Protein backbone atom coordinates (compact mmCIF):
# COMPACT_ATOMS: atom_id res chain seq x y z
CA UNK A 1 90.18 95.98 88.94
CA UNK A 2 90.71 97.08 85.42
CA UNK A 3 89.02 99.76 83.11
CA UNK A 4 88.98 100.73 79.38
CA UNK A 5 90.63 104.42 79.95
CA UNK A 6 93.74 104.67 77.45
CA UNK A 7 93.59 106.67 74.55
CA UNK A 8 95.98 105.22 71.87
CA UNK A 9 97.74 108.41 70.36
CA UNK A 10 101.48 109.04 70.71
CA UNK A 11 102.27 110.77 73.88
CA UNK A 12 105.12 113.52 74.56
CA UNK A 13 107.71 113.31 77.43
CA UNK A 14 105.85 115.32 80.01
CA UNK A 15 102.66 113.09 79.49
CA UNK A 16 104.86 110.01 80.02
CA UNK A 17 106.25 111.51 83.23
CA UNK A 18 102.78 112.12 84.50
CA UNK A 19 101.78 108.30 83.90
CA UNK A 20 104.61 107.43 86.01
CA UNK A 21 104.29 110.19 88.55
CA UNK A 22 100.73 110.03 89.64
CA UNK A 23 100.67 106.29 90.11
CA UNK A 24 104.03 106.77 92.48
CA UNK A 25 102.18 109.68 94.37
CA UNK A 26 99.34 107.31 95.09
CA UNK A 27 101.23 104.41 95.97
CA UNK A 28 103.12 106.63 98.67
CA UNK A 29 100.12 108.13 99.88
CA UNK A 30 98.34 104.47 100.33
CA UNK A 31 101.79 103.31 101.80
CA UNK A 32 101.00 106.18 104.52
CA UNK A 33 97.57 105.60 104.75
CA UNK A 34 97.72 101.84 105.26
CA UNK A 35 100.57 102.42 107.83
CA UNK A 36 98.44 104.80 109.58
CA UNK A 37 95.24 102.59 110.06
CA UNK A 38 97.55 99.73 111.05
CA UNK A 39 99.45 101.70 113.66
CA UNK A 40 96.21 102.79 115.48
CA UNK A 41 94.48 99.19 115.47
CA UNK A 42 92.31 100.14 112.47
CA UNK A 43 90.48 102.73 114.02
CA UNK A 44 91.69 106.00 112.49
CA UNK A 45 89.06 108.11 113.23
CA UNK A 46 89.00 107.44 117.19
CA UNK A 47 92.60 108.15 117.25
CA UNK A 48 92.75 111.26 115.62
CA UNK A 49 91.89 113.62 118.72
CA UNK A 50 94.83 111.67 120.61
CA UNK A 51 97.09 112.39 117.81
CA UNK A 52 96.32 116.04 117.70
CA UNK A 53 96.91 116.26 121.40
CA UNK A 54 100.47 114.89 120.64
CA UNK A 55 99.90 111.61 122.37
CA UNK A 56 102.01 109.71 120.18
CA UNK A 57 101.90 106.70 122.33
CA UNK A 58 98.92 105.50 120.65
CA UNK A 59 100.90 104.73 117.62
CA UNK A 60 102.16 101.41 117.31
CA UNK A 61 104.76 101.51 114.85
CA UNK A 62 105.70 98.16 114.15
CA UNK A 63 102.03 97.04 113.67
CA UNK A 64 101.34 99.78 111.05
CA UNK A 65 104.66 98.77 109.11
CA UNK A 66 103.69 95.17 109.07
CA UNK A 67 100.05 95.77 108.00
CA UNK A 68 101.36 97.98 105.21
CA UNK A 69 103.80 95.71 103.70
CA UNK A 70 101.46 92.62 103.80
CA UNK A 71 98.17 94.36 102.62
CA UNK A 72 100.05 96.36 99.49
CA UNK A 73 101.86 92.85 98.90
CA UNK A 74 98.57 91.54 98.17
CA UNK A 75 96.96 94.50 96.42
CA UNK A 76 100.25 94.82 94.16
CA UNK A 77 100.10 91.20 93.32
CA UNK A 78 96.84 91.58 92.07
CA UNK A 79 97.43 94.51 89.91
CA UNK A 80 100.73 93.33 88.72
CA UNK A 81 98.99 90.26 87.62
CA UNK A 82 96.55 92.27 85.06
CA UNK A 83 99.80 94.91 84.29
CA UNK A 84 102.32 91.77 83.22
CA UNK A 85 99.40 90.11 81.36
CA UNK A 86 98.70 93.33 79.51
CA UNK A 87 102.39 93.32 78.45
CA UNK A 88 102.50 89.93 77.63
CA UNK A 89 99.70 90.46 75.18
CA UNK A 90 100.65 93.98 74.10
CA UNK A 91 97.88 95.86 75.18
CA UNK A 92 98.25 99.19 76.45
CA UNK A 93 98.12 99.77 80.00
CA UNK A 94 98.76 102.32 82.99
CA UNK A 95 100.60 101.49 85.93
CA UNK A 96 98.24 100.96 88.90
CA UNK A 97 96.49 103.77 90.45
CA UNK A 98 96.05 102.89 94.19
CA UNK A 99 93.22 104.66 96.36
CA UNK A 100 94.30 106.12 99.64
CA UNK A 101 91.51 106.40 101.93
CA UNK A 102 92.99 107.05 105.80
CA UNK A 103 89.59 107.18 107.43
CA UNK A 104 88.59 103.52 106.81
CA UNK A 105 89.73 100.87 108.71
CA UNK A 106 91.30 99.42 105.45
CA UNK A 107 93.41 102.44 104.85
CA UNK A 108 92.69 102.12 101.05
CA UNK A 109 89.96 101.11 98.45
CA UNK A 110 92.50 99.00 96.31
CA UNK A 111 93.55 100.23 93.07
CA UNK A 112 92.73 100.35 89.33
CA UNK A 113 94.62 99.74 86.14
CA UNK A 114 93.68 101.70 83.10
CA UNK A 115 93.84 99.58 79.70
CA UNK A 116 92.76 99.89 76.07
CA UNK A 117 90.64 96.77 76.51
CA UNK A 118 88.91 96.95 73.05
CA UNK A 119 92.15 95.67 71.64
CA UNK A 120 91.94 92.50 73.44
CA UNK A 121 90.19 89.37 71.76
CA UNK A 122 88.06 87.33 73.74
CA UNK A 123 90.98 84.96 74.90
CA UNK A 124 93.04 87.87 75.64
CA UNK A 125 90.40 89.76 77.64
CA UNK A 126 90.08 86.37 79.61
CA UNK A 127 93.61 86.45 80.35
CA UNK A 128 93.48 90.17 81.43
CA UNK A 129 90.37 89.82 83.73
CA UNK A 130 91.62 86.44 85.51
CA UNK A 131 95.24 87.08 86.18
CA UNK A 132 95.00 89.50 88.76
CA UNK A 133 92.44 87.88 91.04
CA UNK A 134 94.28 84.38 90.68
CA UNK A 135 97.64 86.31 91.29
CA UNK A 136 96.22 88.09 94.52
CA UNK A 137 94.57 85.18 95.82
CA UNK A 138 97.99 83.29 95.81
CA UNK A 139 99.27 85.91 97.97
CA UNK A 140 96.24 86.36 100.20
CA UNK A 141 95.89 82.76 101.34
CA UNK A 142 99.24 82.26 103.18
CA UNK A 143 98.84 85.60 104.76
CA UNK A 144 95.47 84.65 105.86
CA UNK A 145 96.75 81.47 107.09
CA UNK A 146 99.30 83.11 109.34
CA UNK A 147 96.78 85.45 110.70
CA UNK A 148 94.06 83.15 111.60
CA UNK A 149 97.11 80.95 113.51
CA UNK A 150 97.79 84.63 115.46
CA UNK A 151 94.12 85.05 116.16
CA UNK A 152 93.26 85.75 119.94
CA UNK A 153 89.67 85.06 120.66
CA UNK A 154 89.07 88.19 122.68
CA UNK A 155 85.52 88.98 123.11
CA UNK A 156 84.45 92.24 121.25
CA UNK A 157 84.47 95.64 123.16
CA UNK A 158 81.08 97.28 123.25
CA UNK A 159 80.47 99.40 119.94
CA UNK A 160 82.99 97.62 118.19
CA UNK A 161 82.06 97.03 114.23
CA UNK A 162 81.66 93.68 112.84
CA UNK A 163 83.46 92.21 109.74
CA UNK A 164 81.42 89.23 108.22
CA UNK A 165 83.77 86.52 106.81
CA UNK A 166 83.57 85.02 103.29
CA UNK A 167 83.02 81.33 103.01
CA UNK A 168 86.48 80.40 102.25
CA UNK A 169 87.68 82.17 105.33
CA UNK A 170 85.13 80.80 107.51
CA UNK A 171 86.49 77.32 106.22
CA UNK A 172 90.19 78.20 106.96
CA UNK A 173 89.03 79.36 110.62
CA UNK A 174 87.06 76.15 111.22
CA UNK A 175 90.25 73.86 110.20
CA UNK A 176 93.09 75.85 111.63
CA UNK A 177 91.25 77.43 114.83
CA UNK A 178 88.63 75.03 116.01
CA UNK A 179 88.42 76.99 119.30
CA UNK A 180 87.46 80.03 117.92
CA UNK A 181 83.65 80.17 118.69
CA UNK A 182 82.11 82.01 115.96
CA UNK A 183 84.21 81.87 112.36
CA UNK A 184 81.46 83.75 110.60
CA UNK A 185 82.60 87.12 111.70
CA UNK A 186 85.34 88.98 113.31
CA UNK A 187 85.20 92.24 115.40
CA UNK A 188 87.76 95.09 115.09
CA UNK A 189 89.45 94.31 118.19
CA UNK A 190 90.47 90.73 116.95
CA UNK A 191 92.38 91.73 114.05
CA UNK A 192 95.84 91.49 113.60
CA UNK A 193 97.83 92.70 110.71
CA UNK A 194 97.90 89.39 108.69
CA UNK A 195 94.30 88.71 109.40
CA UNK A 196 93.26 92.10 108.27
CA UNK A 197 95.34 91.93 105.00
CA UNK A 198 93.95 88.47 104.54
CA UNK A 199 90.34 89.83 104.78
CA UNK A 200 90.84 92.63 102.68
CA UNK A 201 92.70 90.34 99.89
CA UNK A 202 89.55 87.95 99.96
CA UNK A 203 87.20 90.97 100.02
CA UNK A 204 89.07 92.44 97.02
CA UNK A 205 89.19 89.30 95.16
CA UNK A 206 85.91 88.23 95.54
CA UNK A 207 84.42 91.75 94.70
CA UNK A 208 86.25 92.29 91.71
CA UNK A 209 85.20 88.88 90.48
CA UNK A 210 81.56 89.62 90.39
CA UNK A 211 80.52 88.75 86.93
CA UNK A 212 79.13 92.33 85.76
CA UNK A 213 80.37 95.76 84.13
CA UNK A 214 84.22 96.32 83.91
CA UNK A 215 84.88 94.10 87.00
CA UNK A 216 87.57 91.58 86.48
CA UNK A 217 84.63 89.06 87.05
CA UNK A 218 82.63 90.82 83.96
CA UNK A 219 85.68 90.23 81.78
CA UNK A 220 85.92 86.75 82.62
CA UNK A 221 82.40 86.21 82.33
CA UNK A 222 82.15 87.62 79.02
CA UNK A 223 84.81 85.51 77.56
CA UNK A 224 83.31 82.53 79.24
CA UNK A 225 79.71 82.80 78.49
CA UNK A 226 79.69 85.11 75.34
CA UNK A 227 77.78 88.38 74.93
CA UNK A 228 74.20 87.74 75.44
CA UNK A 229 74.39 85.28 78.37
CA UNK A 230 76.85 87.27 80.19
CA UNK A 231 74.83 90.48 79.94
CA UNK A 232 71.75 88.57 81.31
CA UNK A 233 73.88 87.25 84.24
CA UNK A 234 75.26 90.86 85.05
CA UNK A 235 71.65 92.22 84.78
CA UNK A 236 70.16 89.69 86.79
CA UNK A 237 72.81 90.25 89.79
CA UNK A 238 72.29 93.88 89.62
CA UNK A 239 68.24 93.36 89.95
CA UNK A 240 68.86 91.03 92.80
CA UNK A 241 71.50 93.02 94.54
CA UNK A 242 68.77 95.84 95.00
CA UNK A 243 66.51 94.22 97.14
CA UNK A 244 69.17 92.46 99.14
CA UNK A 245 70.64 95.82 100.01
CA UNK A 246 67.63 97.21 101.15
CA UNK A 247 66.32 94.43 103.06
CA UNK A 248 69.35 94.15 104.88
CA UNK A 249 69.99 97.64 105.35
CA UNK A 250 73.38 97.59 103.73
CA UNK A 251 73.74 100.90 102.49
CA UNK A 252 77.36 100.95 102.48
CA UNK A 253 76.98 98.79 99.04
CA UNK A 254 74.80 101.73 97.47
CA UNK A 255 77.91 103.28 96.25
CA UNK A 256 79.03 100.02 94.46
CA UNK A 257 75.73 99.67 92.70
CA UNK A 258 75.78 103.40 91.63
CA UNK A 259 79.27 102.86 90.27
CA UNK A 260 78.13 99.76 88.18
CA UNK A 261 75.26 101.85 86.86
CA UNK A 262 77.88 104.65 85.84
CA UNK A 263 80.29 102.14 84.26
CA UNK A 264 77.46 100.42 82.56
CA UNK A 265 76.09 97.07 83.46
CA UNK A 266 76.78 95.20 80.29
CA UNK A 267 80.38 94.52 79.03
CA UNK A 268 81.40 96.00 75.91
CA UNK A 269 82.38 93.86 72.83
CA UNK A 270 86.10 92.45 72.36
CA UNK A 271 88.19 93.08 69.07
CA UNK A 272 86.82 89.35 68.13
CA UNK A 273 84.17 87.69 70.15
CA UNK A 274 84.70 84.82 67.81
CA UNK A 275 88.10 83.98 69.24
CA UNK A 276 88.34 80.38 70.65
CA UNK A 277 88.89 79.75 74.33
CA UNK A 278 90.54 76.26 74.47
CA UNK A 279 90.06 73.68 77.24
CA UNK A 280 92.42 75.03 79.71
CA UNK A 281 91.07 78.35 79.90
CA UNK A 282 87.49 77.05 80.06
CA UNK A 283 88.27 74.88 83.02
CA UNK A 284 90.24 77.86 84.76
CA UNK A 285 87.22 80.50 84.12
CA UNK A 286 84.55 78.08 85.19
CA UNK A 287 86.34 77.81 88.48
CA UNK A 288 87.27 81.52 88.87
CA UNK A 289 83.62 82.42 88.18
CA UNK A 290 82.97 80.77 91.43
CA UNK A 291 85.22 82.79 93.26
CA UNK A 292 82.71 85.47 94.59
CA UNK A 293 80.88 82.63 96.16
CA UNK A 294 83.87 81.81 98.36
CA UNK A 295 85.63 85.17 98.68
CA UNK A 296 82.97 87.90 98.74
CA UNK A 297 81.11 88.54 102.18
CA UNK A 298 77.70 89.87 101.05
CA UNK A 299 76.85 91.20 104.31
CA UNK A 300 80.46 93.18 104.31
CA UNK A 301 80.90 95.34 107.59
CA UNK A 302 77.84 96.14 109.81
CA UNK A 303 77.78 97.62 113.35
CA UNK A 304 77.61 95.52 116.03
């Protein structure tokens, strides 16, 4: 995900050091948090008590390390897609700020990049928005493929939370593992490191490509549809999401809705909204705008 967050004035050396130090610290913290959740079978809260008692046997060091590597490969590729495209277009951008959360099954809430998007014209904004999701998805698909091939169709344990699968993952499961009874969902005990990283990768890609606000999909929709139609689409999506969340009691999405409102539902104008896109960008854009349909699971995570 990207956000307009960088001022333009010259920076002193201490400021430059901080711009590198904070992303590095957050990356190391996210390495630790993703290692931790993977090492305890993505059940960080339930294993804290055992860890405090010194029961180190609950730690699966190999699984934790493997999950850390593959999930960060997905997230880092996504963010570097944004960063390298910003460098190409000479748009000021920060290094990725990863968000470690060691108390949730993922171990992280992904990352954000601050960039001065107001300097970008319509074509450059499109490139900035679409580069991250496409790069991340290119890494996510083979990782998910490996995870599905390794999938063990064990029955869920009582009380395990349910991960609803996006449409793309359901299709991959039906193709690669026709013996799996219900491709629409996984339970926590059925995950392996590759499968969890693949699920997270699709979730992050689909979420970021929602055509609203400062999300990657908001950038793409604004560049593709123009200001008026992009704003109508964003507002319609928000209005439709509220009754869906309330009706299905998906209260975890309330945080996302609040974030969208705080960021602003409408996308701000670019440096040049009249810049022509070109047929190749239009073709990629119309395909990319459909990514949430295939990669975003509206039901998310629910109790069993």
